[in-house]
Amino acid sequence: VFLSEAFTRPKKLLHLAKLGFSQSYGYFTWKNEAWEITQWLEEFLAPD
């Protein structure tokens, strides 16, 4: 299993996931308001 510590822009982070990384760090630690959490996760939980 490979975990990517990619604190970077979304397109780079997601491309690393496509290349084979099993998991990725994300921006969770910086998302503390309801609108921040919702907006961020709805982007990263899109079906594709």
ModelCIF file with pLDDT and N, C-alpha, C, O atoms, coordinates in Angstrom:
data_MODEL
#
_entry.id   MODEL 
#
_entity.id                         1 
_entity.type                       polymer 
_entity.pdbx_number_of_molecules   1 
#
_entity_poly.entity_id                      1 
_entity_poly.type                           'polypeptide(L)' 
_entity_poly.nstd_linkage                   no 
_entity_poly.nstd_monomer                   no 
_entity_poly.pdbx_seq_one_letter_code       VFLSEAFTRPKKLLHLAKLGFSQSYGYFTWKNEAWEITQWLEEFLAPD 
_entity_poly.pdbx_seq_one_letter_code_can   VFLSEAFTRPKKLLHLAKLGFSQSYGYFTWKNEAWEITQWLEEFLAPD 
_entity_poly.pdbx_strand_id                 A 
#
loop_
_entity_poly_seq.entity_id 
_entity_poly_seq.num 
_entity_poly_seq.mon_id 
_entity_poly_seq.hetero 
1 1  VAL n 
1 2  PHE n 
1 3  LEU n 
1 4  SER n 
1 5  GLU n 
1 6  ALA n 
1 7  PHE n 
1 8  THR n 
1 9  ARG n 
1 10 PRO n 
1 11 LYS n 
1 12 LYS n 
1 13 LEU n 
1 14 LEU n 
1 15 HIS n 
1 16 LEU n 
1 17 ALA n 
1 18 LYS n 
1 19 LEU n 
1 20 GLY n 
1 21 PHE n 
1 22 SER n 
1 23 GLN n 
1 24 SER n 
1 25 TYR n 
1 26 GLY n 
1 27 TYR n 
1 28 PHE n 
1 29 THR n 
1 30 TRP n 
1 31 LYS n 
1 32 ASN n 
1 33 GLU n 
1 34 ALA n 
1 35 TRP n 
1 36 GLU n 
1 37 ILE n 
1 38 THR n 
1 39 GLN n 
1 40 TRP n 
1 41 LEU n 
1 42 GLU n 
1 43 GLU n 
1 44 PHE n 
1 45 LEU n 
1 46 ALA n 
1 47 PRO n 
1 48 ASP n 
#
_struct_asym.id          A 
_struct_asym.entity_id   1 
#
loop_
_ma_qa_metric.id 
_ma_qa_metric.mode 
_ma_qa_metric.name 
_ma_qa_metric.software_group_id 
_ma_qa_metric.type 
1 global pLDDT . pLDDT 
2 local  pLDDT . pLDDT 
#
_ma_qa_metric_global.metric_id      1 
_ma_qa_metric_global.metric_value   96.46 
_ma_qa_metric_global.model_id       1 
_ma_qa_metric_global.ordinal_id     1 
#
loop_
_ma_qa_metric_local.label_asym_id 
_ma_qa_metric_local.label_comp_id 
_ma_qa_metric_local.label_seq_id 
_ma_qa_metric_local.metric_id 
_ma_qa_metric_local.metric_value 
_ma_qa_metric_local.model_id 
_ma_qa_metric_local.ordinal_id 
A VAL 1  2 98.00 1 1  
A PHE 2  2 98.00 1 2  
A LEU 3  2 98.00 1 3  
A SER 4  2 98.00 1 4  
A GLU 5  2 97.00 1 5  
A ALA 6  2 93.00 1 6  
A PHE 7  2 93.00 1 7  
A THR 8  2 94.00 1 8  
A ARG 9  2 94.00 1 9  
A PRO 10 2 96.00 1 10 
A LYS 11 2 97.00 1 11 
A LYS 12 2 97.00 1 12 
A LEU 13 2 97.00 1 13 
A LEU 14 2 98.00 1 14 
A HIS 15 2 98.00 1 15 
A LEU 16 2 98.00 1 16 
A ALA 17 2 98.00 1 17 
A LYS 18 2 98.00 1 18 
A LEU 19 2 98.00 1 19 
A GLY 20 2 98.00 1 20 
A PHE 21 2 98.00 1 21 
A SER 22 2 98.00 1 22 
A GLN 23 2 98.00 1 23 
A SER 24 2 98.00 1 24 
A TYR 25 2 96.00 1 25 
A GLY 26 2 91.00 1 26 
A TYR 27 2 95.00 1 27 
A PHE 28 2 97.00 1 28 
A THR 29 2 97.00 1 29 
A TRP 30 2 97.00 1 30 
A LYS 31 2 98.00 1 31 
A ASN 32 2 97.00 1 32 
A GLU 33 2 98.00 1 33 
A ALA 34 2 98.00 1 34 
A TRP 35 2 98.00 1 35 
A GLU 36 2 97.00 1 36 
A ILE 37 2 98.00 1 37 
A THR 38 2 98.00 1 38 
A GLN 39 2 97.00 1 39 
A TRP 40 2 96.00 1 40 
A LEU 41 2 96.00 1 41 
A GLU 42 2 93.00 1 42 
A GLU 43 2 94.00 1 43 
A PHE 44 2 95.00 1 44 
A LEU 45 2 93.00 1 45 
A ALA 46 2 94.00 1 46 
A PRO 47 2 94.00 1 47 
A ASP 48 2 95.00 1 48 
#
loop_
_atom_site.group_PDB 
_atom_site.id 
_atom_site.type_symbol 
_atom_site.label_atom_id 
_atom_site.label_alt_id 
_atom_site.label_comp_id 
_atom_site.label_asym_id 
_atom_site.label_entity_id 
_atom_site.label_seq_id 
_atom_site.pdbx_PDB_ins_code 
_atom_site.Cartn_x 
_atom_site.Cartn_y 
_atom_site.Cartn_z 
_atom_site.occupancy 
_atom_site.B_iso_or_equiv 
_atom_site.pdbx_formal_charge 
_atom_site.auth_seq_id 
_atom_site.auth_comp_id 
_atom_site.auth_asym_id 
_atom_site.auth_atom_id 
_atom_site.pdbx_PDB_model_num 
ATOM 1   N N  . VAL A 1 1  ? 0.856   -1.190 0.000   1.00 98.00 ? 1  VAL A N  1 
ATOM 2   C CA . VAL A 1 1  ? 0.000   0.000  0.000   1.00 98.00 ? 1  VAL A CA 1 
ATOM 3   C C  . VAL A 1 1  ? 0.889   1.236  0.000   1.00 98.00 ? 1  VAL A C  1 
ATOM 4   O O  . VAL A 1 1  ? 1.875   1.292  0.735   1.00 98.00 ? 1  VAL A O  1 
ATOM 5   N N  . PHE A 1 2  ? 0.550   2.222  -0.815  1.00 98.00 ? 2  PHE A N  1 
ATOM 6   C CA . PHE A 1 2  ? 1.293   3.480  -0.887  1.00 98.00 ? 2  PHE A CA 1 
ATOM 7   C C  . PHE A 1 2  ? 0.369   4.639  -0.509  1.00 98.00 ? 2  PHE A C  1 
ATOM 8   O O  . PHE A 1 2  ? -0.700  4.812  -1.095  1.00 98.00 ? 2  PHE A O  1 
ATOM 9   N N  . LEU A 1 3  ? 0.799   5.433  0.485   1.00 98.00 ? 3  LEU A N  1 
ATOM 10  C CA . LEU A 1 3  ? 0.096   6.648  0.896   1.00 98.00 ? 3  LEU A CA 1 
ATOM 11  C C  . LEU A 1 3  ? 0.867   7.859  0.390   1.00 98.00 ? 3  LEU A C  1 
ATOM 12  O O  . LEU A 1 3  ? 2.059   8.003  0.664   1.00 98.00 ? 3  LEU A O  1 
ATOM 13  N N  . SER A 1 4  ? 0.193   8.715  -0.338  1.00 98.00 ? 4  SER A N  1 
ATOM 14  C CA . SER A 1 4  ? 0.809   9.901  -0.922  1.00 98.00 ? 4  SER A CA 1 
ATOM 15  C C  . SER A 1 4  ? 0.653   11.101 0.007   1.00 98.00 ? 4  SER A C  1 
ATOM 16  O O  . SER A 1 4  ? -0.465  11.478 0.359   1.00 98.00 ? 4  SER A O  1 
ATOM 17  N N  . GLU A 1 5  ? 1.776   11.698 0.403   1.00 97.00 ? 5  GLU A N  1 
ATOM 18  C CA . GLU A 1 5  ? 1.733   12.940 1.181   1.00 97.00 ? 5  GLU A CA 1 
ATOM 19  C C  . GLU A 1 5  ? 1.831   14.107 0.191   1.00 97.00 ? 5  GLU A C  1 
ATOM 20  O O  . GLU A 1 5  ? 2.845   14.801 0.118   1.00 97.00 ? 5  GLU A O  1 
ATOM 21  N N  . ALA A 1 6  ? 0.765   14.298 -0.553  1.00 93.00 ? 6  ALA A N  1 
ATOM 22  C CA . ALA A 1 6  ? 0.779   15.288 -1.624  1.00 93.00 ? 6  ALA A CA 1 
ATOM 23  C C  . ALA A 1 6  ? -0.052  16.493 -1.220  1.00 93.00 ? 6  ALA A C  1 
ATOM 24  O O  . ALA A 1 6  ? -1.196  16.630 -1.654  1.00 93.00 ? 6  ALA A O  1 
ATOM 25  N N  . PHE A 1 7  ? 0.509   17.365 -0.397  1.00 93.00 ? 7  PHE A N  1 
ATOM 26  C CA . PHE A 1 7  ? -0.162  18.621 -0.069  1.00 93.00 ? 7  PHE A CA 1 
ATOM 27  C C  . PHE A 1 7  ? 0.113   19.594 -1.211  1.00 93.00 ? 7  PHE A C  1 
ATOM 28  O O  . PHE A 1 7  ? 1.006   20.437 -1.128  1.00 93.00 ? 7  PHE A O  1 
ATOM 29  N N  . THR A 1 8  ? -0.664  19.461 -2.268  1.00 94.00 ? 8  THR A N  1 
ATOM 30  C CA . THR A 1 8  ? -0.424  20.227 -3.476  1.00 94.00 ? 8  THR A CA 1 
ATOM 31  C C  . THR A 1 8  ? -1.764  20.515 -4.136  1.00 94.00 ? 8  THR A C  1 
ATOM 32  O O  . THR A 1 8  ? -2.815  20.203 -3.577  1.00 94.00 ? 8  THR A O  1 
ATOM 33  N N  . ARG A 1 9  ? -1.729  21.100 -5.303  1.00 94.00 ? 9  ARG A N  1 
ATOM 34  C CA . ARG A 1 9  ? -2.958  21.449 -6.002  1.00 94.00 ? 9  ARG A CA 1 
ATOM 35  C C  . ARG A 1 9  ? -3.734  20.187 -6.393  1.00 94.00 ? 9  ARG A C  1 
ATOM 36  O O  . ARG A 1 9  ? -3.139  19.133 -6.619  1.00 94.00 ? 9  ARG A O  1 
ATOM 37  N N  . PRO A 1 10 ? -5.065  20.298 -6.471  1.00 96.00 ? 10 PRO A N  1 
ATOM 38  C CA . PRO A 1 10 ? -5.891  19.102 -6.685  1.00 96.00 ? 10 PRO A CA 1 
ATOM 39  C C  . PRO A 1 10 ? -5.511  18.270 -7.905  1.00 96.00 ? 10 PRO A C  1 
ATOM 40  O O  . PRO A 1 10 ? -5.505  17.042 -7.825  1.00 96.00 ? 10 PRO A O  1 
ATOM 41  N N  . LYS A 1 11 ? -5.197  18.902 -9.022  1.00 97.00 ? 11 LYS A N  1 
ATOM 42  C CA . LYS A 1 11 ? -4.914  18.115 -10.218 1.00 97.00 ? 11 LYS A CA 1 
ATOM 43  C C  . LYS A 1 11 ? -3.661  17.259 -10.052 1.00 97.00 ? 11 LYS A C  1 
ATOM 44  O O  . LYS A 1 11 ? -3.616  16.129 -10.538 1.00 97.00 ? 11 LYS A O  1 
ATOM 45  N N  . LYS A 1 12 ? -2.648  17.788 -9.372  1.00 97.00 ? 12 LYS A N  1 
ATOM 46  C CA . LYS A 1 12 ? -1.446  16.983 -9.124  1.00 97.00 ? 12 LYS A CA 1 
ATOM 47  C C  . LYS A 1 12 ? -1.750  15.854 -8.146  1.00 97.00 ? 12 LYS A C  1 
ATOM 48  O O  . LYS A 1 12 ? -1.333  14.713 -8.347  1.00 97.00 ? 12 LYS A O  1 
ATOM 49  N N  . LEU A 1 13 ? -2.476  16.184 -7.095  1.00 97.00 ? 13 LEU A N  1 
ATOM 50  C CA . LEU A 1 13 ? -2.833  15.184 -6.091  1.00 97.00 ? 13 LEU A CA 1 
ATOM 51  C C  . LEU A 1 13 ? -3.603  14.030 -6.742  1.00 97.00 ? 13 LEU A C  1 
ATOM 52  O O  . LEU A 1 13 ? -3.312  12.861 -6.491  1.00 97.00 ? 13 LEU A O  1 
ATOM 53  N N  . LEU A 1 14 ? -4.578  14.369 -7.570  1.00 98.00 ? 14 LEU A N  1 
ATOM 54  C CA . LEU A 1 14 ? -5.412  13.341 -8.182  1.00 98.00 ? 14 LEU A CA 1 
ATOM 55  C C  . LEU A 1 14 ? -4.650  12.552 -9.235  1.00 98.00 ? 14 LEU A C  1 
ATOM 56  O O  . LEU A 1 14 ? -4.909  11.362 -9.419  1.00 98.00 ? 14 LEU A O  1 
ATOM 57  N N  . HIS A 1 15 ? -3.727  13.184 -9.921  1.00 98.00 ? 15 HIS A N  1 
ATOM 58  C CA . HIS A 1 15 ? -2.951  12.437 -10.913 1.00 98.00 ? 15 HIS A CA 1 
ATOM 59  C C  . HIS A 1 15 ? -2.070  11.398 -10.234 1.00 98.00 ? 15 HIS A C  1 
ATOM 60  O O  . HIS A 1 15 ? -1.908  10.293 -10.753 1.00 98.00 ? 15 HIS A O  1 
ATOM 61  N N  . LEU A 1 16 ? -1.507  11.730 -9.100  1.00 98.00 ? 16 LEU A N  1 
ATOM 62  C CA . LEU A 1 16 ? -0.717  10.743 -8.358  1.00 98.00 ? 16 LEU A CA 1 
ATOM 63  C C  . LEU A 1 16 ? -1.575  9.549  -7.964  1.00 98.00 ? 16 LEU A C  1 
ATOM 64  O O  . LEU A 1 16 ? -1.107  8.411  -7.988  1.00 98.00 ? 16 LEU A O  1 
ATOM 65  N N  . ALA A 1 17 ? -2.829  9.805  -7.600  1.00 98.00 ? 17 ALA A N  1 
ATOM 66  C CA . ALA A 1 17 ? -3.729  8.699  -7.276  1.00 98.00 ? 17 ALA A CA 1 
ATOM 67  C C  . ALA A 1 17 ? -3.964  7.821  -8.501  1.00 98.00 ? 17 ALA A C  1 
ATOM 68  O O  . ALA A 1 17 ? -4.007  6.597  -8.386  1.00 98.00 ? 17 ALA A O  1 
ATOM 69  N N  . LYS A 1 18 ? -4.113  8.428  -9.655  1.00 98.00 ? 18 LYS A N  1 
ATOM 70  C CA . LYS A 1 18 ? -4.293  7.644  -10.878 1.00 98.00 ? 18 LYS A CA 1 
ATOM 71  C C  . LYS A 1 18 ? -3.078  6.777  -11.173 1.00 98.00 ? 18 LYS A C  1 
ATOM 72  O O  . LYS A 1 18 ? -3.213  5.677  -11.708 1.00 98.00 ? 18 LYS A O  1 
ATOM 73  N N  . LEU A 1 19 ? -1.894  7.268  -10.828 1.00 98.00 ? 19 LEU A N  1 
ATOM 74  C CA . LEU A 1 19 ? -0.663  6.549  -11.156 1.00 98.00 ? 19 LEU A CA 1 
ATOM 75  C C  . LEU A 1 19 ? -0.439  5.328  -10.277 1.00 98.00 ? 19 LEU A C  1 
ATOM 76  O O  . LEU A 1 19 ? 0.429   4.509  -10.579 1.00 98.00 ? 19 LEU A O  1 
ATOM 77  N N  . GLY A 1 20 ? -1.207  5.187  -9.188  1.00 98.00 ? 20 GLY A N  1 
ATOM 78  C CA . GLY A 1 20 ? -1.068  3.974  -8.391  1.00 98.00 ? 20 GLY A CA 1 
ATOM 79  C C  . GLY A 1 20 ? -1.054  4.157  -6.899  1.00 98.00 ? 20 GLY A C  1 
ATOM 80  O O  . GLY A 1 20 ? -1.092  3.163  -6.175  1.00 98.00 ? 20 GLY A O  1 
ATOM 81  N N  . PHE A 1 21 ? -1.001  5.393  -6.388  1.00 98.00 ? 21 PHE A N  1 
ATOM 82  C CA . PHE A 1 21 ? -1.034  5.582  -4.947  1.00 98.00 ? 21 PHE A CA 1 
ATOM 83  C C  . PHE A 1 21 ? -2.381  5.118  -4.402  1.00 98.00 ? 21 PHE A C  1 
ATOM 84  O O  . PHE A 1 21 ? -3.437  5.489  -4.913  1.00 98.00 ? 21 PHE A O  1 
ATOM 85  N N  . SER A 1 22 ? -2.321  4.298  -3.352  1.00 98.00 ? 22 SER A N  1 
ATOM 86  C CA . SER A 1 22 ? -3.536  3.721  -2.772  1.00 98.00 ? 22 SER A CA 1 
ATOM 87  C C  . SER A 1 22 ? -4.369  4.767  -2.063  1.00 98.00 ? 22 SER A C  1 
ATOM 88  O O  . SER A 1 22 ? -5.599  4.731  -2.114  1.00 98.00 ? 22 SER A O  1 
ATOM 89  N N  . GLN A 1 23 ? -3.697  5.704  -1.398  1.00 98.00 ? 23 GLN A N  1 
ATOM 90  C CA . GLN A 1 23 ? -4.348  6.699  -0.556  1.00 98.00 ? 23 GLN A CA 1 
ATOM 91  C C  . GLN A 1 23 ? -3.620  8.031  -0.723  1.00 98.00 ? 23 GLN A C  1 
ATOM 92  O O  . GLN A 1 23 ? -2.493  8.078  -1.214  1.00 98.00 ? 23 GLN A O  1 
ATOM 93  N N  . SER A 1 24 ? -4.275  9.100  -0.312  1.00 98.00 ? 24 SER A N  1 
ATOM 94  C CA . SER A 1 24 ? -3.675  10.425 -0.397  1.00 98.00 ? 24 SER A CA 1 
ATOM 95  C C  . SER A 1 24 ? -4.024  11.236 0.845   1.00 98.00 ? 24 SER A C  1 
ATOM 96  O O  . SER A 1 24 ? -5.172  11.236 1.290   1.00 98.00 ? 24 SER A O  1 
ATOM 97  N N  . TYR A 1 25 ? -3.030  11.930 1.404   1.00 96.00 ? 25 TYR A N  1 
ATOM 98  C CA . TYR A 1 25 ? -3.345  12.996 2.334   1.00 96.00 ? 25 TYR A CA 1 
ATOM 99  C C  . TYR A 1 25 ? -4.195  14.011 1.562   1.00 96.00 ? 25 TYR A C  1 
ATOM 100 O O  . TYR A 1 25 ? -4.162  14.051 0.333   1.00 96.00 ? 25 TYR A O  1 
ATOM 101 N N  . GLY A 1 26 ? -4.934  14.807 2.277   1.00 91.00 ? 26 GLY A N  1 
ATOM 102 C CA . GLY A 1 26 ? -5.727  15.844 1.633   1.00 91.00 ? 26 GLY A CA 1 
ATOM 103 C C  . GLY A 1 26 ? -5.657  17.125 2.417   1.00 91.00 ? 26 GLY A C  1 
ATOM 104 O O  . GLY A 1 26 ? -4.668  17.403 3.095   1.00 91.00 ? 26 GLY A O  1 
ATOM 105 N N  . TYR A 1 27 ? -6.716  17.906 2.322   1.00 95.00 ? 27 TYR A N  1 
ATOM 106 C CA . TYR A 1 27 ? -6.735  19.228 2.944   1.00 95.00 ? 27 TYR A CA 1 
ATOM 107 C C  . TYR A 1 27 ? -7.593  19.242 4.208   1.00 95.00 ? 27 TYR A C  1 
ATOM 108 O O  . TYR A 1 27 ? -8.030  20.301 4.657   1.00 95.00 ? 27 TYR A O  1 
ATOM 109 N N  . PHE A 1 28 ? -7.830  18.061 4.779   1.00 97.00 ? 28 PHE A N  1 
ATOM 110 C CA . PHE A 1 28 ? -8.752  17.960 5.913   1.00 97.00 ? 28 PHE A CA 1 
ATOM 111 C C  . PHE A 1 28 ? -8.371  18.892 7.057   1.00 97.00 ? 28 PHE A C  1 
ATOM 112 O O  . PHE A 1 28 ? -9.239  19.558 7.621   1.00 97.00 ? 28 PHE A O  1 
ATOM 113 N N  . THR A 1 29 ? -7.096  18.951 7.408   1.00 97.00 ? 29 THR A N  1 
ATOM 114 C CA . THR A 1 29 ? -6.700  19.746 8.579   1.00 97.00 ? 29 THR A CA 1 
ATOM 115 C C  . THR A 1 29 ? -7.025  21.226 8.417   1.00 97.00 ? 29 THR A C  1 
ATOM 116 O O  . THR A 1 29 ? -7.128  21.948 9.409   1.00 97.00 ? 29 THR A O  1 
ATOM 117 N N  . TRP A 1 30 ? -7.188  21.683 7.183   1.00 97.00 ? 30 TRP A N  1 
ATOM 118 C CA . TRP A 1 30 ? -7.468  23.103 6.946   1.00 97.00 ? 30 TRP A CA 1 
ATOM 119 C C  . TRP A 1 30 ? -8.954  23.380 6.692   1.00 97.00 ? 30 TRP A C  1 
ATOM 120 O O  . TRP A 1 30 ? -9.327  24.522 6.425   1.00 97.00 ? 30 TRP A O  1 
ATOM 121 N N  . LYS A 1 31 ? -9.787  22.374 6.770   1.00 98.00 ? 31 LYS A N  1 
ATOM 122 C CA . LYS A 1 31 ? -11.216 22.548 6.515   1.00 98.00 ? 31 LYS A CA 1 
ATOM 123 C C  . LYS A 1 31 ? -11.964 22.440 7.843   1.00 98.00 ? 31 LYS A C  1 
ATOM 124 O O  . LYS A 1 31 ? -12.114 21.349 8.394   1.00 98.00 ? 31 LYS A O  1 
ATOM 125 N N  . ASN A 1 32 ? -12.430 23.579 8.347   1.00 97.00 ? 32 ASN A N  1 
ATOM 126 C CA . ASN A 1 32 ? -13.033 23.609 9.673   1.00 97.00 ? 32 ASN A CA 1 
ATOM 127 C C  . ASN A 1 32 ? -14.439 24.200 9.706   1.00 97.00 ? 32 ASN A C  1 
ATOM 128 O O  . ASN A 1 32 ? -15.160 24.013 10.686  1.00 97.00 ? 32 ASN A O  1 
ATOM 129 N N  . GLU A 1 33 ? -14.834 24.900 8.665   1.00 98.00 ? 33 GLU A N  1 
ATOM 130 C CA . GLU A 1 33 ? -16.185 25.442 8.581   1.00 98.00 ? 33 GLU A CA 1 
ATOM 131 C C  . GLU A 1 33 ? -17.058 24.492 7.764   1.00 98.00 ? 33 GLU A C  1 
ATOM 132 O O  . GLU A 1 33 ? -16.559 23.742 6.926   1.00 98.00 ? 33 GLU A O  1 
ATOM 133 N N  . ALA A 1 34 ? -18.361 24.531 8.017   1.00 98.00 ? 34 ALA A N  1 
ATOM 134 C CA . ALA A 1 34 ? -19.275 23.619 7.328   1.00 98.00 ? 34 ALA A CA 1 
ATOM 135 C C  . ALA A 1 34 ? -19.182 23.777 5.812   1.00 98.00 ? 34 ALA A C  1 
ATOM 136 O O  . ALA A 1 34 ? -19.119 22.782 5.090   1.00 98.00 ? 34 ALA A O  1 
ATOM 137 N N  . TRP A 1 35 ? -19.174 25.020 5.325   1.00 98.00 ? 35 TRP A N  1 
ATOM 138 C CA . TRP A 1 35 ? -19.147 25.228 3.885   1.00 98.00 ? 35 TRP A CA 1 
ATOM 139 C C  . TRP A 1 35 ? -17.833 24.747 3.283   1.00 98.00 ? 35 TRP A C  1 
ATOM 140 O O  . TRP A 1 35 ? -17.821 24.240 2.162   1.00 98.00 ? 35 TRP A O  1 
ATOM 141 N N  . GLU A 1 36 ? -16.711 24.900 4.018   1.00 97.00 ? 36 GLU A N  1 
ATOM 142 C CA . GLU A 1 36 ? -15.415 24.432 3.520   1.00 97.00 ? 36 GLU A CA 1 
ATOM 143 C C  . GLU A 1 36 ? -15.401 22.917 3.380   1.00 97.00 ? 36 GLU A C  1 
ATOM 144 O O  . GLU A 1 36 ? -14.988 22.376 2.354   1.00 97.00 ? 36 GLU A O  1 
ATOM 145 N N  . ILE A 1 37 ? -15.859 22.245 4.430   1.00 98.00 ? 37 ILE A N  1 
ATOM 146 C CA . ILE A 1 37 ? -15.858 20.779 4.431   1.00 98.00 ? 37 ILE A CA 1 
ATOM 147 C C  . ILE A 1 37 ? -16.747 20.259 3.310   1.00 98.00 ? 37 ILE A C  1 
ATOM 148 O O  . ILE A 1 37 ? -16.356 19.362 2.563   1.00 98.00 ? 37 ILE A O  1 
ATOM 149 N N  . THR A 1 38 ? -17.943 20.825 3.197   1.00 98.00 ? 38 THR A N  1 
ATOM 150 C CA . THR A 1 38 ? -18.903 20.351 2.196   1.00 98.00 ? 38 THR A CA 1 
ATOM 151 C C  . THR A 1 38 ? -18.390 20.582 0.785   1.00 98.00 ? 38 THR A C  1 
ATOM 152 O O  . THR A 1 38 ? -18.409 19.669 -0.041  1.00 98.00 ? 38 THR A O  1 
ATOM 153 N N  . GLN A 1 39 ? -17.935 21.788 0.504   1.00 97.00 ? 39 GLN A N  1 
ATOM 154 C CA . GLN A 1 39 ? -17.482 22.123 -0.845  1.00 97.00 ? 39 GLN A CA 1 
ATOM 155 C C  . GLN A 1 39 ? -16.295 21.263 -1.252  1.00 97.00 ? 39 GLN A C  1 
ATOM 156 O O  . GLN A 1 39 ? -16.248 20.756 -2.373  1.00 97.00 ? 39 GLN A O  1 
ATOM 157 N N  . TRP A 1 40 ? -15.332 21.097 -0.340  1.00 96.00 ? 40 TRP A N  1 
ATOM 158 C CA . TRP A 1 40 ? -14.134 20.317 -0.651  1.00 96.00 ? 40 TRP A CA 1 
ATOM 159 C C  . TRP A 1 40 ? -14.468 18.852 -0.889  1.00 96.00 ? 40 TRP A C  1 
ATOM 160 O O  . TRP A 1 40 ? -14.021 18.261 -1.872  1.00 96.00 ? 40 TRP A O  1 
ATOM 161 N N  . LEU A 1 41 ? -15.254 18.263 0.011   1.00 96.00 ? 41 LEU A N  1 
ATOM 162 C CA . LEU A 1 41 ? -15.525 16.840 -0.117  1.00 96.00 ? 41 LEU A CA 1 
ATOM 163 C C  . LEU A 1 41 ? -16.435 16.528 -1.294  1.00 96.00 ? 41 LEU A C  1 
ATOM 164 O O  . LEU A 1 41 ? -16.289 15.475 -1.914  1.00 96.00 ? 41 LEU A O  1 
ATOM 165 N N  . GLU A 1 42 ? -17.352 17.395 -1.612  1.00 93.00 ? 42 GLU A N  1 
ATOM 166 C CA . GLU A 1 42 ? -18.201 17.118 -2.767  1.00 93.00 ? 42 GLU A CA 1 
ATOM 167 C C  . GLU A 1 42 ? -17.382 17.097 -4.053  1.00 93.00 ? 42 GLU A C  1 
ATOM 168 O O  . GLU A 1 42 ? -17.729 16.390 -4.999  1.00 93.00 ? 42 GLU A O  1 
ATOM 169 N N  . GLU A 1 43 ? -16.304 17.862 -4.092  1.00 94.00 ? 43 GLU A N  1 
ATOM 170 C CA . GLU A 1 43 ? -15.398 17.813 -5.249  1.00 94.00 ? 43 GLU A CA 1 
ATOM 171 C C  . GLU A 1 43 ? -14.646 16.485 -5.285  1.00 94.00 ? 43 GLU A C  1 
ATOM 172 O O  . GLU A 1 43 ? -14.540 15.856 -6.338  1.00 94.00 ? 43 GLU A O  1 
ATOM 173 N N  . PHE A 1 44 ? -14.125 16.059 -4.133  1.00 95.00 ? 44 PHE A N  1 
ATOM 174 C CA . PHE A 1 44 ? -13.300 14.855 -4.107  1.00 95.00 ? 44 PHE A CA 1 
ATOM 175 C C  . PHE A 1 44 ? -14.117 13.573 -4.012  1.00 95.00 ? 44 PHE A C  1 
ATOM 176 O O  . PHE A 1 44 ? -13.563 12.480 -4.132  1.00 95.00 ? 44 PHE A O  1 
ATOM 177 N N  . LEU A 1 45 ? -15.426 13.689 -3.800  1.00 93.00 ? 45 LEU A N  1 
ATOM 178 C CA . LEU A 1 45 ? -16.284 12.505 -3.772  1.00 93.00 ? 45 LEU A CA 1 
ATOM 179 C C  . LEU A 1 45 ? -17.165 12.405 -5.010  1.00 93.00 ? 45 LEU A C  1 
ATOM 180 O O  . LEU A 1 45 ? -18.146 11.660 -5.017  1.00 93.00 ? 45 LEU A O  1 
ATOM 181 N N  . ALA A 1 46 ? -16.823 13.142 -6.044  1.00 94.00 ? 46 ALA A N  1 
ATOM 182 C CA . ALA A 1 46 ? -17.535 12.994 -7.311  1.00 94.00 ? 46 ALA A CA 1 
ATOM 183 C C  . ALA A 1 46 ? -17.383 11.550 -7.784  1.00 94.00 ? 46 ALA A C  1 
ATOM 184 O O  . ALA A 1 46 ? -16.334 10.940 -7.579  1.00 94.00 ? 46 ALA A O  1 
ATOM 185 N N  . PRO A 1 47 ? -18.431 10.991 -8.420  1.00 94.00 ? 47 PRO A N  1 
ATOM 186 C CA . PRO A 1 47 ? -18.381 9.570  -8.787  1.00 94.00 ? 47 PRO A CA 1 
ATOM 187 C C  . PRO A 1 47 ? -17.151 9.168  -9.586  1.00 94.00 ? 47 PRO A C  1 
ATOM 188 O O  . PRO A 1 47 ? -16.611 8.082  -9.373  1.00 94.00 ? 47 PRO A O  1 
ATOM 189 N N  . ASP A 1 48 ? -16.692 10.026 -10.510 1.00 95.00 ? 48 ASP A N  1 
ATOM 190 C CA . ASP A 1 48 ? -15.532 9.646  -11.308 1.00 95.00 ? 48 ASP A CA 1 
ATOM 191 C C  . ASP A 1 48 ? -14.249 9.687  -10.481 1.00 95.00 ? 48 ASP A C  1 
ATOM 192 O O  . ASP A 1 48 ? -13.171 9.394  -10.999 1.00 95.00 ? 48 ASP A O  1 
#
